[in-house]
Amino acid sequence: MTNEPALKKFFIPIIYLADFALFLFVALCIAALNLINLLNIITVDMPWEEPIILTSSFITSLSFVIGLAIICFFTTNF
């Protein structure tokens, strides 16, 4: 027979840490991509070129992060 409470005590913290690490990794990647895009807009684009709207990329990234946070919340709490 397996000792289920001992296994739960061992695996549950690992699941929480992996979930948190995955969320931080995704958030870090999204932040890095947005910073690269912003740096490209600041340093490369000239005034006579067609302007780029920043809000669409930031809203998409923000909604992606919020969606992942909701998934992580429901995964770890229910």
Protein backbone atom coordinates (compact mmCIF):
# COMPACT_ATOMS: atom_id res chain seq x y z
CA MET A 1 0.00 0.00 0.00
CA THR A 2 1.15 3.47 -0.75
CA ASN A 3 1.20 6.22 1.80
CA GLU A 4 -0.97 8.81 0.03
CA PRO A 5 -0.68 11.70 2.54
CA ALA A 6 3.12 11.50 2.34
CA LEU A 7 2.97 11.55 -1.46
CA LYS A 8 0.62 14.53 -1.41
CA LYS A 9 2.92 16.38 0.98
CA PHE A 10 5.77 15.76 -1.43
CA PHE A 11 4.12 16.42 -4.80
CA ILE A 12 1.74 19.31 -4.03
CA PRO A 13 4.52 21.84 -3.24
CA ILE A 14 6.38 20.73 -6.37
CA ILE A 15 3.24 21.31 -8.46
CA TYR A 16 2.78 24.78 -6.94
CA LEU A 17 6.41 25.70 -7.60
CA ALA A 18 6.31 24.42 -11.18
CA ASP A 19 3.07 26.29 -11.86
CA PHE A 20 4.50 29.50 -10.41
CA ALA A 21 7.77 29.08 -12.33
CA LEU A 22 5.89 28.52 -15.59
CA PHE A 23 3.79 31.62 -15.01
CA LEU A 24 6.89 33.73 -14.25
CA PHE A 25 8.66 32.38 -17.32
CA VAL A 26 5.74 33.27 -19.58
CA ALA A 27 5.40 36.72 -17.99
CA LEU A 28 9.14 37.31 -18.42
CA CYS A 29 9.00 36.29 -22.09
CA ILE A 30 6.05 38.58 -22.75
CA ALA A 31 7.74 41.49 -20.97
CA ALA A 32 10.96 40.90 -22.94
CA LEU A 33 9.11 40.82 -26.27
CA ASN A 34 7.26 44.04 -25.43
CA LEU A 35 10.50 45.76 -24.41
CA ILE A 36 12.19 44.66 -27.64
CA ASN A 37 9.22 45.97 -29.63
CA LEU A 38 9.28 49.27 -27.75
CA LEU A 39 13.04 49.63 -28.23
CA ASN A 40 12.60 48.94 -31.94
CA ILE A 41 9.93 51.62 -32.17
CA ILE A 42 12.04 54.16 -30.30
CA THR A 43 15.35 53.57 -32.07
CA VAL A 44 14.44 52.45 -35.61
CA ASP A 45 11.16 53.99 -36.64
CA MET A 46 11.37 57.48 -38.05
CA PRO A 47 8.69 60.17 -37.92
CA TRP A 48 7.87 59.92 -41.63
CA GLU A 49 7.13 56.18 -41.43
CA GLU A 50 3.72 54.77 -40.73
CA PRO A 51 3.07 54.97 -36.97
CA ILE A 52 2.71 51.79 -34.96
CA ILE A 53 -0.05 51.56 -32.38
CA LEU A 54 1.38 50.24 -29.12
CA THR A 55 -1.91 49.50 -27.40
CA SER A 56 -2.76 46.42 -29.48
CA SER A 57 0.41 44.55 -28.53
CA PHE A 58 0.20 45.55 -24.88
CA ILE A 59 -3.47 44.62 -24.60
CA THR A 60 -2.82 41.26 -26.25
CA SER A 61 0.07 40.55 -23.92
CA LEU A 62 -1.83 41.70 -20.87
CA SER A 63 -4.85 39.57 -21.75
CA PHE A 64 -2.55 36.59 -22.29
CA VAL A 65 -0.94 37.06 -18.87
CA ILE A 66 -4.31 37.51 -17.18
CA GLY A 67 -5.62 34.39 -18.92
CA LEU A 68 -2.63 32.36 -17.76
CA ALA A 69 -3.05 33.71 -14.24
CA ILE A 70 -6.69 32.62 -14.21
CA ILE A 71 -5.76 29.16 -15.50
CA CYS A 72 -3.01 28.86 -12.87
CA PHE A 73 -5.40 30.01 -10.15
CA PHE A 74 -8.06 27.45 -11.04
CA THR A 75 -5.47 24.71 -11.53
CA THR A 76 -3.90 25.18 -8.12
CA ASN A 77 -7.02 25.95 -6.11
CA PHE A 78 -9.59 23.47 -7.41
